[in-house]
Amino acid sequence: MAKMISTLRMELRPATRELLRAVIESDEALGELLGVSVAEGWTEFGKAPFEYMLNVLTSDENQDGWVNYFPILKSGNQLIGSGGFKGGPNDEGWVEIGYEIAPAFRNSGLATEFAMSLIDIALEHPEVTGICAHTLAEENASCAVLRKCSFEKVSELIDDEDGAIWRWEWQGN
């Protein structure tokens, strides 16, 4: 079972089937289950990714800890975003991270703190040989976060849903 991670300013609570069902039900249900208030705009992607994650966790218990974490701001006890992995390591040992922070909490280093924690989580697993991320193919805040976390842009791809995207790979220590 995945463990809660504590950072300087956040607690990262791992997704469980129960928490993912609460996300799908409502923000109120999620807040009540987590025992927190829920920031406006904590997720911009709707319920579909959480339905996908619930399906992944339900069908493969080995994915525990490899889907989502809920960042709870310690000061204020508030859910401020979402993020994690697209799943466990692939056959080559790569994992992909993704993260989001509610608009009111952006530009404060929280996304970088969150992304760094995801890197740390991945590196605890010896089977992980690489970490990647994808952004839209334009300079934006996510690109800045990835650079701060020692990622380098390595290619541009065409995604069926998003069009042009950039692939970033962690070039860490």
Protein backbone atom coordinates (compact mmCIF):
# COMPACT_ATOMS: atom_id res chain seq x y z
CA MET A 1 0.00 0.00 0.00
CA ALA A 2 1.28 3.45 -0.93
CA LYS A 3 2.30 5.71 1.91
CA MET A 4 1.56 9.33 2.63
CA ILE A 5 4.48 11.62 1.76
CA SER A 6 5.24 14.78 3.72
CA THR A 7 7.00 17.71 2.04
CA LEU A 8 7.89 21.08 3.49
CA ARG A 9 4.43 22.53 2.84
CA MET A 10 2.24 19.63 1.79
CA GLU A 11 1.09 16.14 2.62
CA LEU A 12 0.71 13.96 -0.45
CA ARG A 13 -2.03 11.44 0.18
CA PRO A 14 -2.05 8.46 -2.17
CA ALA A 15 -5.20 7.65 -4.09
CA THR A 16 -7.28 4.73 -2.92
CA ARG A 17 -10.33 3.26 -4.58
CA GLU A 18 -12.45 4.96 -1.91
CA LEU A 19 -10.90 8.39 -2.54
CA LEU A 20 -11.25 8.02 -6.31
CA ARG A 21 -14.92 7.10 -5.93
CA ALA A 22 -15.35 10.25 -3.80
CA VAL A 23 -13.73 12.41 -6.52
CA ILE A 24 -16.19 10.99 -9.03
CA GLU A 25 -19.10 11.67 -6.67
CA SER A 26 -18.31 15.31 -5.76
CA ASP A 27 -15.75 17.72 -4.34
CA GLU A 28 -17.77 17.72 -1.12
CA ALA A 29 -17.52 13.94 -0.78
CA LEU A 30 -13.78 14.06 -1.44
CA GLY A 31 -13.22 16.87 1.06
CA GLU A 32 -15.22 15.06 3.71
CA LEU A 33 -13.32 11.80 3.20
CA LEU A 34 -9.95 13.56 3.25
CA GLY A 35 -11.00 15.79 6.15
CA VAL A 36 -9.97 18.93 4.25
CA SER A 37 -11.42 21.89 2.42
CA VAL A 38 -11.17 21.70 -1.37
CA ALA A 39 -9.67 24.61 -3.31
CA GLU A 40 -11.62 25.97 -6.24
CA GLY A 41 -10.16 24.66 -9.48
CA TRP A 42 -8.11 21.95 -7.74
CA THR A 43 -8.44 19.91 -10.93
CA GLU A 44 -8.86 21.21 -14.45
CA PHE A 45 -9.24 17.81 -16.08
CA GLY A 46 -12.68 16.75 -14.84
CA LYS A 47 -13.65 13.31 -13.61
CA ALA A 48 -12.44 11.21 -16.58
CA PRO A 49 -8.82 10.83 -15.37
CA PHE A 50 -10.03 9.73 -11.94
CA GLU A 51 -12.41 7.20 -13.50
CA TYR A 52 -9.43 5.87 -15.46
CA MET A 53 -7.31 5.69 -12.29
CA LEU A 54 -10.08 3.89 -10.42
CA ASN A 55 -10.25 1.34 -13.22
CA VAL A 56 -6.46 0.89 -13.12
CA LEU A 57 -6.43 0.36 -9.34
CA THR A 58 -9.42 -1.97 -9.48
CA SER A 59 -7.95 -4.13 -12.22
CA ASP A 60 -4.31 -4.24 -11.04
CA GLU A 61 -3.35 -3.96 -7.38
CA ASN A 62 0.32 -3.64 -8.43
CA GLN A 63 -0.53 -0.10 -9.54
CA ASP A 64 -1.05 1.00 -5.92
CA GLY A 65 1.09 4.11 -5.47
CA TRP A 66 1.54 4.54 -9.22
CA VAL A 67 -1.54 6.58 -10.01
CA ASN A 68 -2.53 9.67 -8.08
CA TYR A 69 -1.57 11.69 -5.04
CA PHE A 70 -3.66 14.45 -3.50
CA PRO A 71 -1.53 17.42 -2.32
CA ILE A 72 -2.92 18.84 0.91
CA LEU A 73 -1.53 22.21 1.95
CA LYS A 74 -0.49 21.88 5.58
CA SER A 75 -1.27 25.49 6.40
CA GLY A 76 -5.01 25.63 5.89
CA ASN A 77 -5.56 21.86 5.50
CA GLN A 78 -6.72 22.31 1.91
CA LEU A 79 -6.63 20.09 -1.18
CA ILE A 80 -4.85 22.19 -3.81
CA GLY A 81 -4.29 19.91 -6.79
CA SER A 82 -3.68 16.46 -8.11
CA GLY A 83 -0.87 14.50 -9.65
CA GLY A 84 1.10 11.35 -9.83
CA PHE A 85 2.04 8.78 -12.43
CA LYS A 86 0.37 7.37 -15.53
CA GLY A 87 1.10 3.95 -14.07
CA GLY A 88 4.00 1.86 -12.91
CA PRO A 89 7.23 1.50 -14.87
CA ASN A 90 6.86 0.29 -18.46
CA ASP A 91 8.98 -2.54 -19.89
CA GLU A 92 11.95 -0.17 -20.24
CA GLY A 93 11.60 1.09 -16.66
CA TRP A 94 10.13 4.51 -17.51
CA VAL A 95 7.41 6.28 -15.55
CA GLU A 96 5.56 9.44 -16.55
CA ILE A 97 4.64 12.14 -14.05
CA GLY A 98 1.89 14.71 -14.22
CA TYR A 99 0.66 17.31 -11.75
CA GLU A 100 -1.65 20.29 -11.38
CA ILE A 101 -2.07 23.01 -8.79
CA ALA A 102 -5.21 25.14 -8.30
CA PRO A 103 -4.90 28.63 -9.83
CA ALA A 104 -4.91 30.46 -6.48
CA PHE A 105 -1.81 28.51 -5.38
CA ARG A 106 0.31 28.80 -8.52
CA ASN A 107 3.58 30.72 -8.81
CA SER A 108 4.55 29.85 -5.24
CA GLY A 109 6.82 26.85 -5.84
CA LEU A 110 4.19 24.29 -4.85
CA ALA A 111 4.12 22.60 -8.27
CA THR A 112 7.91 22.27 -8.17
CA GLU A 113 7.77 20.87 -4.63
CA PHE A 114 5.10 18.41 -5.76
CA ALA A 115 7.00 17.34 -8.90
CA MET A 116 10.23 16.87 -6.92
CA SER A 117 8.35 14.60 -4.53
CA LEU A 118 7.06 12.53 -7.44
CA ILE A 119 10.63 12.13 -8.67
CA ASP A 120 11.68 11.00 -5.20
CA ILE A 121 8.83 8.48 -5.08
CA ALA A 122 9.85 7.06 -8.47
CA LEU A 123 13.51 6.81 -7.51
CA GLU A 124 12.65 4.71 -4.45
CA HIS A 125 11.96 1.90 -6.93
CA PRO A 126 15.09 0.29 -8.40
CA GLU A 127 13.15 -0.86 -11.48
CA VAL A 128 12.66 2.80 -12.52
CA THR A 129 15.32 3.73 -15.06
CA GLY A 130 13.82 6.96 -16.40
CA ILE A 131 11.22 9.62 -15.66
CA CYS A 132 9.40 11.63 -18.31
CA ALA A 133 6.66 14.22 -18.57
CA HIS A 134 4.74 15.85 -21.41
CA THR A 135 3.55 19.44 -21.87
CA LEU A 136 1.80 21.34 -24.60
CA ALA A 137 4.33 22.45 -27.22
CA GLU A 138 4.59 26.01 -25.90
CA GLU A 139 6.44 27.75 -23.13
CA ASN A 140 4.29 27.70 -20.02
CA ALA A 141 4.51 27.30 -16.25
CA SER A 142 4.80 23.51 -16.51
CA CYS A 143 7.92 23.88 -18.63
CA ALA A 144 9.48 26.09 -15.95
CA VAL A 145 8.60 23.55 -13.24
CA LEU A 146 10.17 20.72 -15.22
CA ARG A 147 13.36 22.70 -15.83
CA LYS A 148 13.63 23.45 -12.10
CA CYS A 149 13.34 19.69 -11.50
CA SER A 150 16.23 18.89 -13.90
CA PHE A 151 14.13 17.78 -16.86
CA GLU A 152 15.22 18.54 -20.42
CA LYS A 153 12.96 18.83 -23.44
CA VAL A 154 13.97 15.99 -25.77
CA SER A 155 11.37 15.91 -28.55
CA GLU A 156 8.14 17.20 -30.01
CA LEU A 157 5.37 14.71 -30.71
CA ILE A 158 1.86 14.79 -32.07
CA ASP A 159 -0.77 13.58 -29.60
CA ASP A 160 -4.17 12.46 -30.92
CA GLU A 161 -6.03 14.59 -28.34
CA ASP A 162 -3.69 17.51 -27.64
CA GLY A 163 -1.87 18.01 -30.94
CA ALA A 164 1.77 19.07 -30.64
CA ILE A 165 3.33 18.20 -27.28
CA TRP A 166 6.86 18.23 -25.89
CA ARG A 167 8.45 15.22 -24.21
CA TRP A 168 10.65 15.99 -21.22
CA GLU A 169 13.07 13.56 -19.59
CA TRP A 170 14.60 13.79 -16.16
CA GLN A 171 18.34 14.31 -16.35
CA GLY A 172 18.84 14.29 -12.57
CA ASN A 173 21.84 13.60 -10.50
